[in-house]
Amino acid sequence: MQFRPLHDRVVIRRIEEDMKTAGGIIIPDTAKEKPQQGEVVAVGPGALDDAGKRIALDLKAGDIVLFGKWSGTEVKIDGEELLIMKESDVMGVIEGKKSSKRAA
């Protein structure tokens, strides 16, 4: 991907969750909600403060994050659906989890 977000924005790829409930019921595609977890693909250089100094982001590429249901702007880059949002829209980083599934 040849996309670099500006300022304090991050690019996130949604991570698809399990398609079964705990009881083993398979959820059809029409009833599924979009996942609220994703993998950070790219981060901007950071915002500028009032003095013109760059404030570095806490997120880095590869982090697994949790974000709000309506957060970000959906875009399609190189045929892949991604989200672009400000770092402040991310609720937190999920520690110790590796991305293994991709959203369709």
N, C-alpha and C. Protein backbone atom coordinates (compact mmCIF):
# COMPACT_ATOMS: atom_id res chain seq x y z
N MET A 1 0.85 -1.17 0.00
CA MET A 1 0.00 0.00 0.00
C MET A 1 0.90 1.24 0.00
N GLN A 2 0.58 2.18 -0.82
CA GLN A 2 1.34 3.42 -0.91
C GLN A 2 0.49 4.58 -0.41
N PHE A 3 0.16 4.58 0.87
CA PHE A 3 -0.66 5.63 1.46
C PHE A 3 -0.05 6.02 2.79
N ARG A 4 0.15 7.32 3.00
CA ARG A 4 0.71 7.82 4.24
C ARG A 4 -0.29 8.79 4.85
N PRO A 5 -0.86 8.46 6.00
CA PRO A 5 -1.81 9.39 6.64
C PRO A 5 -1.09 10.63 7.16
N LEU A 6 -1.83 11.71 7.24
CA LEU A 6 -1.25 12.97 7.72
C LEU A 6 -1.56 13.20 9.19
N HIS A 7 -0.73 13.99 9.83
CA HIS A 7 -0.91 14.45 11.21
C HIS A 7 -1.15 13.30 12.18
N ASP A 8 -2.25 13.33 12.92
CA ASP A 8 -2.50 12.30 13.95
C ASP A 8 -3.52 11.26 13.49
N ARG A 9 -3.53 10.97 12.19
CA ARG A 9 -4.46 9.98 11.66
C ARG A 9 -3.78 8.62 11.55
N VAL A 10 -4.61 7.57 11.64
CA VAL A 10 -4.12 6.20 11.50
C VAL A 10 -4.99 5.46 10.49
N VAL A 11 -4.40 4.49 9.82
CA VAL A 11 -5.13 3.63 8.88
C VAL A 11 -5.28 2.27 9.54
N ILE A 12 -6.54 1.77 9.57
CA ILE A 12 -6.84 0.53 10.28
C ILE A 12 -7.55 -0.45 9.35
N ARG A 13 -7.12 -1.73 9.42
CA ARG A 13 -7.79 -2.83 8.71
C ARG A 13 -8.63 -3.56 9.75
N ARG A 14 -9.93 -3.68 9.49
CA ARG A 14 -10.81 -4.41 10.42
C ARG A 14 -10.40 -5.87 10.53
N ILE A 15 -10.54 -6.41 11.74
CA ILE A 15 -10.28 -7.83 11.98
C ILE A 15 -11.63 -8.50 12.17
N GLU A 16 -11.88 -9.50 11.34
CA GLU A 16 -13.15 -10.20 11.40
C GLU A 16 -13.22 -11.08 12.64
N GLU A 17 -14.34 -11.01 13.34
CA GLU A 17 -14.53 -11.80 14.54
C GLU A 17 -15.10 -13.17 14.18
N ASP A 18 -15.21 -14.05 15.20
CA ASP A 18 -15.75 -15.38 14.97
C ASP A 18 -17.17 -15.30 14.41
N MET A 19 -17.52 -16.28 13.58
CA MET A 19 -18.83 -16.29 12.95
C MET A 19 -19.81 -17.16 13.73
N LYS A 20 -19.42 -17.63 14.92
CA LYS A 20 -20.28 -18.45 15.76
C LYS A 20 -20.44 -17.81 17.12
N THR A 21 -21.58 -18.05 17.75
CA THR A 21 -21.78 -17.60 19.12
C THR A 21 -21.13 -18.61 20.05
N ALA A 22 -21.10 -18.32 21.32
CA ALA A 22 -20.51 -19.24 22.30
C ALA A 22 -21.27 -20.57 22.32
N GLY A 23 -22.56 -20.53 22.01
CA GLY A 23 -23.37 -21.75 21.99
C GLY A 23 -23.25 -22.53 20.70
N GLY A 24 -22.47 -22.05 19.73
CA GLY A 24 -22.26 -22.78 18.49
C GLY A 24 -23.19 -22.37 17.36
N ILE A 25 -23.99 -21.34 17.55
CA ILE A 25 -24.90 -20.89 16.50
C ILE A 25 -24.10 -20.05 15.50
N ILE A 26 -24.23 -20.38 14.22
CA ILE A 26 -23.52 -19.65 13.17
C ILE A 26 -24.33 -18.41 12.81
N ILE A 27 -23.66 -17.27 12.78
CA ILE A 27 -24.31 -15.99 12.48
C ILE A 27 -24.20 -15.74 10.97
N PRO A 28 -25.33 -15.54 10.26
CA PRO A 28 -25.26 -15.27 8.83
C PRO A 28 -24.69 -13.88 8.55
N ASP A 29 -24.13 -13.68 7.34
CA ASP A 29 -23.52 -12.41 6.98
C ASP A 29 -24.48 -11.24 7.10
N THR A 30 -25.76 -11.47 6.81
CA THR A 30 -26.72 -10.37 6.86
C THR A 30 -26.99 -9.88 8.27
N ALA A 31 -26.75 -10.69 9.27
CA ALA A 31 -27.02 -10.32 10.67
C ALA A 31 -25.77 -9.85 11.41
N LYS A 32 -24.61 -9.99 10.77
CA LYS A 32 -23.36 -9.63 11.44
C LYS A 32 -23.17 -8.12 11.46
N GLU A 33 -22.58 -7.63 12.54
CA GLU A 33 -22.19 -6.23 12.62
C GLU A 33 -20.73 -6.14 12.21
N LYS A 34 -20.32 -4.96 11.77
CA LYS A 34 -18.92 -4.77 11.40
C LYS A 34 -18.07 -4.84 12.66
N PRO A 35 -16.90 -5.47 12.57
CA PRO A 35 -16.04 -5.61 13.74
C PRO A 35 -15.55 -4.25 14.24
N GLN A 36 -15.31 -4.18 15.54
CA GLN A 36 -14.81 -2.96 16.17
C GLN A 36 -13.36 -3.13 16.60
N GLN A 37 -12.72 -4.16 16.08
CA GLN A 37 -11.29 -4.38 16.33
C GLN A 37 -10.59 -4.29 15.00
N GLY A 38 -9.35 -3.84 15.04
CA GLY A 38 -8.61 -3.76 13.80
C GLY A 38 -7.12 -3.72 14.05
N GLU A 39 -6.39 -3.87 12.95
CA GLU A 39 -4.94 -3.82 12.99
C GLU A 39 -4.50 -2.50 12.37
N VAL A 40 -3.62 -1.80 13.04
CA VAL A 40 -3.10 -0.53 12.52
C VAL A 40 -2.16 -0.86 11.36
N VAL A 41 -2.46 -0.27 10.21
CA VAL A 41 -1.66 -0.50 9.00
C VAL A 41 -0.60 0.58 8.82
N ALA A 42 -1.00 1.83 9.07
CA ALA A 42 -0.07 2.96 8.92
C ALA A 42 -0.45 4.06 9.89
N VAL A 43 0.53 4.85 10.30
CA VAL A 43 0.27 5.98 11.20
C VAL A 43 0.92 7.23 10.63
N GLY A 44 0.31 8.38 10.94
CA GLY A 44 0.87 9.65 10.53
C GLY A 44 2.03 10.05 11.43
N PRO A 45 2.70 11.15 11.10
CA PRO A 45 3.86 11.58 11.88
C PRO A 45 3.49 12.20 13.22
N GLY A 46 2.24 12.60 13.41
CA GLY A 46 1.81 13.21 14.66
C GLY A 46 1.33 14.63 14.44
N ALA A 47 0.55 15.13 15.38
CA ALA A 47 0.00 16.48 15.29
C ALA A 47 1.03 17.50 15.77
N LEU A 48 0.79 18.74 15.41
CA LEU A 48 1.66 19.83 15.88
C LEU A 48 0.98 20.54 17.04
N ASP A 49 1.75 20.88 18.08
CA ASP A 49 1.18 21.65 19.19
C ASP A 49 1.24 23.14 18.86
N ASP A 50 0.82 23.98 19.78
CA ASP A 50 0.78 25.42 19.55
C ASP A 50 2.15 26.03 19.28
N ALA A 51 3.18 25.42 19.82
CA ALA A 51 4.54 25.91 19.62
C ALA A 51 5.17 25.38 18.33
N GLY A 52 4.46 24.51 17.61
CA GLY A 52 4.98 23.95 16.36
C GLY A 52 5.78 22.68 16.54
N LYS A 53 5.82 22.13 17.76
CA LYS A 53 6.54 20.88 18.00
C LYS A 53 5.64 19.70 17.67
N ARG A 54 6.23 18.66 17.11
CA ARG A 54 5.48 17.47 16.71
C ARG A 54 5.20 16.61 17.94
N ILE A 55 3.95 16.17 18.10
CA ILE A 55 3.55 15.27 19.19
C ILE A 55 3.44 13.88 18.59
N ALA A 56 4.34 12.99 18.95
CA ALA A 56 4.38 11.63 18.39
C ALA A 56 3.14 10.84 18.81
N LEU A 57 2.73 9.89 17.96
CA LEU A 57 1.57 9.04 18.26
C LEU A 57 1.98 7.87 19.14
N ASP A 58 1.02 7.38 19.94
CA ASP A 58 1.27 6.21 20.78
C ASP A 58 1.12 4.92 19.99
N LEU A 59 0.36 4.96 18.90
CA LEU A 59 0.11 3.76 18.10
C LEU A 59 1.24 3.55 17.10
N LYS A 60 1.40 2.27 16.70
CA LYS A 60 2.37 1.94 15.66
C LYS A 60 1.76 0.86 14.78
N ALA A 61 2.29 0.71 13.59
CA ALA A 61 1.80 -0.30 12.66
C ALA A 61 1.90 -1.67 13.30
N GLY A 62 0.86 -2.46 13.16
CA GLY A 62 0.84 -3.81 13.73
C GLY A 62 0.06 -3.91 15.03
N ASP A 63 -0.23 -2.77 15.69
CA ASP A 63 -1.02 -2.79 16.93
C ASP A 63 -2.44 -3.26 16.63
N ILE A 64 -3.01 -4.05 17.54
CA ILE A 64 -4.41 -4.46 17.46
C ILE A 64 -5.18 -3.52 18.38
N VAL A 65 -6.17 -2.81 17.82
CA VAL A 65 -6.86 -1.76 18.56
C VAL A 65 -8.36 -2.00 18.60
N LEU A 66 -9.00 -1.32 19.55
CA LEU A 66 -10.45 -1.32 19.69
C LEU A 66 -10.91 0.10 19.44
N PHE A 67 -11.94 0.25 18.58
CA PHE A 67 -12.44 1.58 18.24
C PHE A 67 -13.96 1.58 18.27
N GLY A 68 -14.55 2.76 18.26
CA GLY A 68 -16.00 2.91 18.34
C GLY A 68 -16.72 2.41 17.09
N LYS A 69 -17.98 2.07 17.27
CA LYS A 69 -18.78 1.52 16.19
C LYS A 69 -18.86 2.45 14.98
N TRP A 70 -18.95 3.75 15.21
CA TRP A 70 -19.11 4.71 14.11
C TRP A 70 -17.85 5.54 13.89
N SER A 71 -16.73 5.08 14.37
CA SER A 71 -15.47 5.82 14.24
C SER A 71 -14.90 5.71 12.84
N GLY A 72 -14.22 6.75 12.43
CA GLY A 72 -13.45 6.72 11.20
C GLY A 72 -14.24 6.88 9.92
N THR A 73 -13.50 6.95 8.83
CA THR A 73 -14.04 7.07 7.49
C THR A 73 -13.61 5.85 6.70
N GLU A 74 -14.57 5.16 6.10
CA GLU A 74 -14.25 3.97 5.31
C GLU A 74 -13.75 4.40 3.94
N VAL A 75 -12.63 3.83 3.53
CA VAL A 75 -12.05 4.09 2.21
C VAL A 75 -11.63 2.78 1.58
N LYS A 76 -11.46 2.80 0.26
CA LYS A 76 -10.97 1.61 -0.44
C LYS A 76 -9.66 2.00 -1.12
N ILE A 77 -8.58 1.33 -0.70
CA ILE A 77 -7.25 1.60 -1.24
C ILE A 77 -6.70 0.28 -1.79
N ASP A 78 -6.32 0.29 -3.06
CA ASP A 78 -5.82 -0.92 -3.72
C ASP A 78 -6.78 -2.09 -3.58
N GLY A 79 -8.10 -1.81 -3.63
CA GLY A 79 -9.12 -2.85 -3.55
C GLY A 79 -9.39 -3.36 -2.15
N GLU A 80 -8.74 -2.80 -1.14
CA GLU A 80 -8.91 -3.23 0.24
C GLU A 80 -9.67 -2.17 1.03
N GLU A 81 -10.70 -2.62 1.78
CA GLU A 81 -11.48 -1.68 2.58
C GLU A 81 -10.75 -1.40 3.89
N LEU A 82 -10.49 -0.12 4.14
CA LEU A 82 -9.75 0.32 5.32
C LEU A 82 -10.50 1.45 6.01
N LEU A 83 -10.10 1.76 7.23
CA LEU A 83 -10.64 2.88 7.98
C LEU A 83 -9.54 3.89 8.22
N ILE A 84 -9.87 5.17 8.09
CA ILE A 84 -8.94 6.24 8.46
C ILE A 84 -9.60 7.01 9.58
N MET A 85 -8.88 7.15 10.70
CA MET A 85 -9.43 7.88 11.85
C MET A 85 -8.31 8.57 12.60
N LYS A 86 -8.69 9.51 13.44
CA LYS A 86 -7.72 10.18 14.30
C LYS A 86 -7.34 9.22 15.43
N GLU A 87 -6.15 9.37 15.94
CA GLU A 87 -5.69 8.51 17.03
C GLU A 87 -6.62 8.63 18.24
N SER A 88 -7.20 9.79 18.45
CA SER A 88 -8.09 9.99 19.60
C SER A 88 -9.39 9.19 19.50
N ASP A 89 -9.75 8.70 18.29
CA ASP A 89 -10.94 7.87 18.12
C ASP A 89 -10.70 6.42 18.53
N VAL A 90 -9.43 6.05 18.68
CA VAL A 90 -9.09 4.69 19.11
C VAL A 90 -9.22 4.62 20.63
N MET A 91 -9.96 3.59 21.11
CA MET A 91 -10.19 3.47 22.55
C MET A 91 -9.04 2.83 23.29
N GLY A 92 -8.30 1.95 22.62
CA GLY A 92 -7.18 1.31 23.30
C GLY A 92 -6.53 0.24 22.45
N VAL A 93 -5.39 -0.22 22.92
CA VAL A 93 -4.62 -1.27 22.26
C VAL A 93 -4.87 -2.58 23.00
N ILE A 94 -5.13 -3.64 22.26
CA ILE A 94 -5.31 -4.97 22.84
C ILE A 94 -3.94 -5.63 22.88
N GLU A 95 -3.41 -5.79 24.08
CA GLU A 95 -2.05 -6.33 24.25
C GLU A 95 -2.04 -7.84 24.07
N GLY A 96 -0.97 -8.35 23.48
CA GLY A 96 -0.76 -9.78 23.39
C GLY A 96 -1.60 -10.50 22.36
N LYS A 97 -2.24 -9.78 21.44
CA LYS A 97 -3.07 -10.43 20.41
C LYS A 97 -2.47 -10.13 19.05
N LYS A 98 -2.33 -11.18 18.25
CA LYS A 98 -1.81 -11.05 16.90
C LYS A 98 -2.95 -11.14 15.90
N SER A 99 -2.85 -10.38 14.82
CA SER A 99 -3.88 -10.42 13.78
C SER A 99 -3.71 -11.69 12.96
N SER A 100 -4.78 -12.44 12.83
CA SER A 100 -4.72 -13.65 12.00
C SER A 100 -5.88 -13.72 11.03
N LYS A 101 -6.91 -12.90 11.23
CA LYS A 101 -8.08 -12.90 10.37
C LYS A 101 -8.26 -11.53 9.76
N ARG A 102 -8.71 -11.51 8.53
CA ARG A 102 -8.97 -10.24 7.87
C ARG A 102 -10.45 -10.13 7.55
N ALA A 103 -10.95 -8.93 7.57
CA ALA A 103 -12.36 -8.69 7.24
C ALA A 103 -12.55 -8.87 5.75
N ALA A 104 -13.71 -9.34 5.40
CA ALA A 104 -14.01 -9.54 3.98
C ALA A 104 -14.56 -8.29 3.37
